[in-house]
């Protein structure tokens, strides 16, 4: 199935302990119809996919400094020339820490800002459709 937006497929390390890392396929999705959010997913197993919504702004800020509060935190790690990105996810079901290439995420995010420039997200939100969806439930 093709995603109607921008997609990044990368390999990340799921940090399972001090000396245990498991490589997992991860995907980031961006749609101009949901301009504030990035959908993030990673495969724990072929049948177990974990999905999260991350604020695009938090992901962008996390490339250069710790960002996020609550259930999603994004932090750069390592030297600038070989930087990785750490994404920490917390829920009632457990916690996950993933690390991956910051350069790939940075290049992909730049494309999202070409589609929807920072500060202009509200121009891409269809308020009428959003209200209809909210009121239908």
Protein backbone atom coordinates (compact mmCIF):
# COMPACT_ATOMS: atom_id res chain seq x y z
CA UNK A 1 0.00 0.00 0.00
CA UNK A 2 1.39 3.38 -0.96
CA UNK A 3 1.21 6.18 1.57
CA UNK A 4 -0.31 9.46 0.33
CA UNK A 5 2.42 11.70 1.69
CA UNK A 6 6.10 11.66 2.52
CA UNK A 7 7.59 8.48 3.94
CA UNK A 8 10.99 7.67 5.38
CA UNK A 9 12.04 4.07 5.96
CA UNK A 10 15.07 3.66 8.19
CA UNK A 11 16.65 1.07 10.41
CA UNK A 12 16.80 1.97 14.08
CA UNK A 13 18.21 0.29 17.16
CA UNK A 14 15.72 -0.68 19.83
CA UNK A 15 17.73 -0.38 23.05
CA UNK A 16 16.62 -3.35 25.11
CA UNK A 17 19.29 -3.10 27.81
CA UNK A 18 22.79 -1.75 28.51
CA UNK A 19 24.38 -4.31 26.20
CA UNK A 20 21.43 -5.34 24.05
CA UNK A 21 20.29 -3.59 20.88
CA UNK A 22 17.90 -5.00 18.34
CA UNK A 23 17.67 -3.49 14.86
CA UNK A 24 14.10 -2.76 13.81
CA UNK A 25 12.61 -1.31 10.64
CA UNK A 26 11.05 2.09 11.33
CA UNK A 27 8.89 4.40 9.25
CA UNK A 28 8.02 8.07 9.49
CA UNK A 29 5.01 9.38 7.58
CA UNK A 30 3.90 12.94 6.93
CA UNK A 31 0.71 14.20 5.32
CA UNK A 32 -0.10 17.82 4.56
CA UNK A 33 -3.67 17.11 5.73
CA UNK A 34 -2.29 16.50 9.25
CA UNK A 35 0.45 19.14 9.15
CA UNK A 36 1.44 19.23 12.81
CA UNK A 37 2.07 15.50 13.20
CA UNK A 38 4.47 12.83 12.07
CA UNK A 39 3.28 9.25 12.26
CA UNK A 40 6.09 7.03 13.56
CA UNK A 41 6.03 3.25 13.58
CA UNK A 42 8.48 0.44 14.17
CA UNK A 43 8.22 -3.31 13.80
CA UNK A 44 8.85 -5.23 17.03
CA UNK A 45 8.06 -8.40 15.07
CA UNK A 46 6.49 -8.82 11.63
CA UNK A 47 3.09 -9.11 13.34
CA UNK A 48 3.63 -6.51 16.09
CA UNK A 49 3.90 -2.93 14.84
CA UNK A 50 4.06 -0.06 17.34
CA UNK A 51 2.57 3.24 16.14
CA UNK A 52 2.94 6.72 17.62
CA UNK A 53 2.13 10.28 16.67
CA UNK A 54 4.96 12.75 17.19
CA UNK A 55 4.72 16.51 16.79
CA UNK A 56 6.76 17.53 13.75
CA UNK A 57 8.11 20.47 15.74
CA UNK A 58 9.35 18.16 18.54
CA UNK A 59 11.08 15.89 16.04
CA UNK A 60 12.72 18.89 14.37
CA UNK A 61 13.83 20.46 17.68
CA UNK A 62 15.14 17.09 18.87
CA UNK A 63 17.72 17.07 16.08
CA UNK A 64 19.72 19.78 17.87
CA UNK A 65 18.59 19.77 21.53
CA UNK A 66 16.45 17.65 23.86
CA UNK A 67 12.77 18.16 23.04
CA UNK A 68 9.39 16.85 24.09
CA UNK A 69 7.66 16.17 27.36
CA UNK A 70 5.39 13.41 28.53
CA UNK A 71 5.22 10.27 26.44
CA UNK A 72 7.59 11.30 23.60
CA UNK A 73 11.09 12.69 24.02
CA UNK A 74 13.59 13.27 21.23
CA UNK A 75 17.28 13.89 21.90
CA UNK A 76 20.38 14.19 19.72
CA UNK A 77 23.27 11.93 20.75
CA UNK A 78 26.87 11.76 19.61
CA UNK A 79 29.13 14.27 17.88
CA UNK A 80 27.62 16.67 15.34
CA UNK A 81 29.37 14.99 12.38
CA UNK A 82 28.07 11.53 13.34
CA UNK A 83 24.91 12.41 15.25
CA UNK A 84 22.19 9.93 16.09
CA UNK A 85 18.66 10.65 17.17
CA UNK A 86 17.17 9.07 20.28
CA UNK A 87 13.40 8.73 20.46
CA UNK A 88 12.01 7.66 23.83
CA UNK A 89 8.40 6.51 24.03
CA UNK A 90 6.51 5.93 27.28
CA UNK A 91 3.07 4.45 27.82
CA UNK A 92 1.17 2.46 30.39
CA UNK A 93 2.17 -0.66 28.42
CA UNK A 94 5.90 0.05 28.68
CA UNK A 95 8.78 2.13 27.43
CA UNK A 96 10.89 2.03 24.31
CA UNK A 97 14.13 3.76 23.38
CA UNK A 98 15.10 3.87 19.72
CA UNK A 99 18.24 5.30 18.16
CA UNK A 100 18.79 6.02 14.49
CA UNK A 101 20.54 8.22 11.95
CA UNK A 102 19.84 11.91 12.55
CA UNK A 103 21.03 12.91 9.06
CA UNK A 104 18.34 10.80 7.36
CA UNK A 105 15.61 12.22 9.58
CA UNK A 106 16.89 15.78 9.09
CA UNK A 107 16.88 15.45 5.28
CA UNK A 108 13.39 13.92 5.33
CA UNK A 109 12.06 16.64 7.66
CA UNK A 110 13.40 19.30 5.29
CA UNK A 111 11.12 17.82 2.61
CA UNK A 112 8.12 18.08 4.96
CA UNK A 113 8.90 21.77 5.49
CA UNK A 114 8.95 22.24 1.70
CA UNK A 115 5.43 20.78 1.53
CA UNK A 116 4.14 22.70 4.57
CA UNK A 117 6.40 25.53 5.76
CA UNK A 118 6.85 26.02 9.50
CA UNK A 119 4.30 28.47 10.86
CA UNK A 120 1.85 27.85 8.01
CA UNK A 121 0.43 24.53 9.23
CA UNK A 122 -2.97 26.04 10.08
CA UNK A 123 -3.51 26.90 6.40
CA UNK A 124 -3.54 23.16 5.62
CA UNK A 125 -6.04 22.09 8.29
CA UNK A 126 -9.60 21.50 7.07
CA UNK A 127 -11.49 22.66 10.18
CA UNK A 128 -14.93 21.73 8.81
CA UNK A 129 -13.94 18.13 8.15
CA UNK A 130 -12.17 17.89 11.49
CA UNK A 131 -15.25 19.15 13.36
CA UNK A 132 -17.50 16.76 11.42
CA UNK A 133 -15.26 13.83 12.42
CA UNK A 134 -15.18 14.90 16.07
CA UNK A 135 -18.93 15.41 16.29
CA UNK A 136 -19.68 12.09 14.55
CA UNK A 137 -18.22 10.12 17.48
